[in-house]
Amino acid sequence: STDNKRFVSSGINAEYGVYFKSDVKVPKPFQTREYASSYWLATPWYPAANGSCLDSPELSEYYENLINYFQGLNSMGLRLDRTKPIRVVAMKDPTTGAMVCGVRFYIPDLAPIHPPAPVVMKVLVGWDNEKTCYVLGKRGAFTWATITRKYENMMWYLKKLRRTVETGHIVVDIFSGYGTKEDRRYIEILVCKSDNAIE
């Protein structure tokens, strides 16, 4: 896999070298980070299994489709270095109230061309605007229950600080997955400021 070195900064995350622009420490337990606008490769929403986005049977199929895109299964036949992290997003379906999930990979800058289009129906290319997020990192083993609990703690703490943030979905960046030894795993949980937040 590859990292986008253009946006590397100081701090705990410099070793991963991903798509963020700056990393400014704030009072523990969070960091505040500015994320650059970027293209993302994404799956459609899929249902959680037993309340977990990591245990759904659809995850393996969708993940493979994304990997195939990087390996050249796209409209240009272009092979791209796979990026990290894997981003998992969860939210409640507005119609049913059930939890649904999506998986994303950052697409590195290919300027002056746009990223090639997917050729598989269950792969999407999307765009994220620049945003500022509060970030909590965790090393070691993790489960979706752990992620959910830490997210809820973050929301409680940010509310106490009177921060105006996006609600209704969980965003987690996974830098090392289940194939990695537990003591070497690392994830980050994000809570981003609302677009109209004034602080």
Protein backbone atom coordinates (compact mmCIF):
# COMPACT_ATOMS: atom_id res chain seq x y z
CA SER A 1 0.00 0.00 0.00
CA THR A 2 1.02 3.61 -0.34
CA ASP A 3 0.61 6.88 1.50
CA ASN A 4 0.08 10.40 0.24
CA LYS A 5 3.28 12.01 1.50
CA ARG A 6 2.18 15.43 0.32
CA PHE A 7 -0.01 15.88 3.38
CA VAL A 8 2.27 14.35 6.03
CA SER A 9 2.74 16.38 9.19
CA SER A 10 4.14 15.95 12.65
CA GLY A 11 2.56 13.98 15.47
CA ILE A 12 1.63 10.38 16.12
CA ASN A 13 0.25 9.93 12.62
CA ALA A 14 3.34 11.01 10.71
CA GLU A 15 4.41 7.36 10.49
CA TYR A 16 1.33 6.61 8.39
CA GLY A 17 1.61 9.62 6.08
CA VAL A 18 -1.95 9.80 4.87
CA TYR A 19 -4.17 12.53 3.49
CA PHE A 20 -4.34 15.03 6.33
CA LYS A 21 -2.77 18.47 6.13
CA SER A 22 -2.00 19.45 9.70
CA ASP A 23 -2.06 17.90 13.13
CA VAL A 24 -2.45 20.28 16.07
CA LYS A 25 -2.61 18.91 19.59
CA VAL A 26 -5.61 19.86 21.69
CA PRO A 27 -6.33 18.94 25.32
CA LYS A 28 -6.28 15.17 25.78
CA PRO A 29 -7.62 12.75 24.68
CA PHE A 30 -8.04 14.20 21.17
CA GLN A 31 -6.12 15.75 18.34
CA THR A 32 -7.58 18.23 15.88
CA ARG A 33 -6.74 17.57 12.26
CA GLU A 34 -7.50 19.27 8.95
CA TYR A 35 -8.26 16.82 6.14
CA ALA A 36 -7.66 17.87 2.55
CA SER A 37 -10.40 17.57 -0.05
CA SER A 38 -9.98 14.25 -1.80
CA TYR A 39 -11.47 11.51 -3.97
CA TRP A 40 -12.62 8.31 -2.28
CA LEU A 41 -13.36 4.85 -3.61
CA ALA A 42 -16.45 3.58 -1.82
CA THR A 43 -18.88 0.71 -1.48
CA PRO A 44 -22.67 1.06 -1.40
CA TRP A 45 -24.25 0.96 2.04
CA TYR A 46 -24.56 -2.58 3.41
CA PRO A 47 -26.38 -3.85 6.54
CA ALA A 48 -24.45 -4.37 9.75
CA ALA A 49 -24.40 -7.88 11.20
CA ASN A 50 -25.17 -8.17 14.92
CA GLY A 51 -24.61 -4.44 15.26
CA SER A 52 -21.13 -4.61 13.71
CA CYS A 53 -19.82 -3.20 10.43
CA LEU A 54 -16.82 -5.54 10.61
CA ASP A 55 -18.76 -8.82 10.72
CA SER A 56 -21.19 -8.36 7.85
CA PRO A 57 -20.99 -11.04 5.10
CA GLU A 58 -21.15 -8.28 2.45
CA LEU A 59 -17.89 -6.77 3.70
CA SER A 60 -15.60 -9.37 2.10
CA GLU A 61 -17.23 -9.05 -1.34
CA TYR A 62 -17.22 -5.25 -1.28
CA TYR A 63 -13.65 -5.10 0.01
CA GLU A 64 -12.50 -7.37 -2.84
CA ASN A 65 -14.25 -5.14 -5.38
CA LEU A 66 -12.33 -2.12 -4.08
CA ILE A 67 -9.01 -3.96 -4.18
CA ASN A 68 -9.70 -5.04 -7.76
CA TYR A 69 -10.20 -1.38 -8.74
CA PHE A 70 -6.67 -0.59 -7.56
CA GLN A 71 -5.36 -3.63 -9.46
CA GLY A 72 -6.67 -2.27 -12.76
CA LEU A 73 -10.36 -3.23 -12.85
CA ASN A 74 -11.40 0.31 -13.80
CA SER A 75 -12.34 2.20 -16.96
CA MET A 76 -8.70 3.01 -17.82
CA GLY A 77 -7.18 -0.32 -16.85
CA LEU A 78 -4.92 1.76 -14.63
CA ARG A 79 -3.11 0.02 -11.77
CA LEU A 80 -2.87 2.19 -8.65
CA ASP A 81 -0.99 1.66 -5.42
CA ARG A 82 -3.54 0.81 -2.74
CA THR A 83 -3.75 3.48 -0.09
CA LYS A 84 -4.30 3.34 3.64
CA PRO A 85 -6.25 3.67 5.81
CA ILE A 86 -9.42 1.68 5.18
CA ARG A 87 -12.26 3.98 6.24
CA VAL A 88 -15.43 2.40 7.64
CA VAL A 89 -18.51 4.61 8.06
CA ALA A 90 -21.66 3.60 9.94
CA MET A 91 -25.00 5.35 10.26
CA LYS A 92 -28.66 4.59 10.87
CA ASP A 93 -30.78 4.06 7.77
CA PRO A 94 -33.24 7.01 7.80
CA THR A 95 -36.05 4.73 6.58
CA THR A 96 -35.62 1.59 8.68
CA GLY A 97 -33.51 2.82 11.60
CA ALA A 98 -31.16 -0.16 11.14
CA MET A 99 -27.40 0.36 11.07
CA VAL A 100 -25.81 0.43 7.62
CA CYS A 101 -22.12 0.57 6.77
CA GLY A 102 -19.79 1.63 3.99
CA VAL A 103 -16.10 1.08 3.25
CA ARG A 104 -13.82 3.61 1.57
CA PHE A 105 -10.26 3.96 0.31
CA TYR A 106 -8.60 7.29 -0.37
CA ILE A 107 -7.66 7.73 -4.06
CA PRO A 108 -4.29 9.48 -4.52
CA ASP A 109 -4.11 12.67 -6.55
CA LEU A 110 -3.90 11.89 -10.29
CA ALA A 111 -3.96 15.51 -11.51
CA PRO A 112 -4.44 16.64 -14.18
CA ILE A 113 -6.74 13.64 -14.82
CA HIS A 114 -9.67 12.48 -12.72
CA PRO A 115 -9.68 9.00 -11.17
CA PRO A 116 -10.85 6.30 -13.60
CA ALA A 117 -14.47 5.23 -13.29
CA PRO A 118 -15.29 1.85 -11.72
CA VAL A 119 -16.47 -0.95 -14.02
CA VAL A 120 -18.19 -2.88 -11.22
CA MET A 121 -21.68 -1.78 -10.17
CA LYS A 122 -20.92 -2.05 -6.45
CA VAL A 123 -17.99 0.40 -6.53
CA LEU A 124 -18.42 4.17 -6.38
CA VAL A 125 -16.06 7.14 -6.69
CA GLY A 126 -16.93 10.07 -4.43
CA TRP A 127 -15.50 13.39 -3.30
CA ASP A 128 -15.01 14.80 0.20
CA ASN A 129 -14.60 18.50 0.82
CA GLU A 130 -11.90 19.80 3.13
CA LYS A 131 -12.90 19.33 6.75
CA THR A 132 -11.65 19.58 10.32
CA CYS A 133 -12.08 16.60 12.62
CA TYR A 134 -11.35 15.55 16.18
CA VAL A 135 -9.36 12.33 16.16
CA LEU A 136 -8.85 9.65 18.79
CA GLY A 137 -6.24 6.98 18.10
CA LYS A 138 -6.21 3.49 19.56
CA ARG A 139 -3.46 0.88 19.42
CA GLY A 140 -3.97 -2.83 19.97
CA ALA A 141 -6.92 -5.15 19.46
CA PHE A 142 -10.30 -3.67 18.62
CA THR A 143 -13.90 -4.70 18.02
CA TRP A 144 -16.87 -2.72 16.73
CA ALA A 145 -18.18 -2.56 20.29
CA THR A 146 -14.91 -0.91 21.34
CA ILE A 147 -15.17 1.59 18.49
CA THR A 148 -18.79 2.43 19.33
CA ARG A 149 -18.01 2.95 23.00
CA LYS A 150 -15.08 5.26 22.26
CA TYR A 151 -17.17 7.20 19.74
CA GLU A 152 -19.89 7.73 22.35
CA ASN A 153 -17.27 8.90 24.85
CA MET A 154 -15.91 11.36 22.27
CA MET A 155 -19.37 12.75 21.59
CA TRP A 156 -20.01 13.19 25.31
CA TYR A 157 -16.69 14.96 25.81
CA LEU A 158 -17.11 17.24 22.79
CA LYS A 159 -20.60 18.18 23.94
CA LYS A 160 -19.10 19.08 27.31
CA LEU A 161 -16.60 21.30 25.48
CA ARG A 162 -19.51 22.90 23.55
CA ARG A 163 -18.13 21.83 20.19
CA THR A 164 -20.47 21.80 17.19
CA VAL A 165 -19.92 18.52 15.37
CA GLU A 166 -21.57 16.18 12.87
CA THR A 167 -23.81 13.57 14.45
CA GLY A 168 -25.53 10.41 13.31
CA HIS A 169 -22.60 8.41 11.96
CA ILE A 170 -19.39 6.75 13.13
CA VAL A 171 -16.20 7.15 11.10
CA VAL A 172 -13.18 4.94 11.79
CA ASP A 173 -9.90 4.76 9.88
CA ILE A 174 -8.25 1.34 10.09
CA PHE A 175 -4.52 1.42 9.40
CA SER A 176 -3.85 -2.24 10.17
CA GLY A 177 -6.43 -5.00 10.11
CA TYR A 178 -7.01 -8.49 11.36
CA GLY A 179 -4.01 -9.89 9.51
CA THR A 180 -1.76 -7.80 11.76
CA LYS A 181 -0.68 -8.88 15.22
CA GLU A 182 -2.96 -7.38 17.86
CA ASP A 183 -0.25 -5.30 19.51
CA ARG A 184 0.59 -3.69 16.14
CA ARG A 185 -2.95 -2.72 15.12
CA TYR A 186 -3.90 0.92 14.97
CA ILE A 187 -7.20 2.73 14.30
CA GLU A 188 -8.45 6.29 14.51
CA ILE A 189 -12.00 7.36 15.31
CA LEU A 190 -13.14 10.66 13.79
CA VAL A 191 -15.77 13.19 14.79
CA CYS A 192 -15.83 16.09 12.34
CA LYS A 193 -16.95 19.66 12.80
CA SER A 194 -20.23 20.64 11.22
CA ASP A 195 -19.85 22.69 8.03
CA ASN A 196 -21.46 25.69 9.68
CA ALA A 197 -19.70 25.34 13.02
CA ILE A 198 -18.52 28.63 14.52
CA GLU A 199 -16.24 28.33 17.56
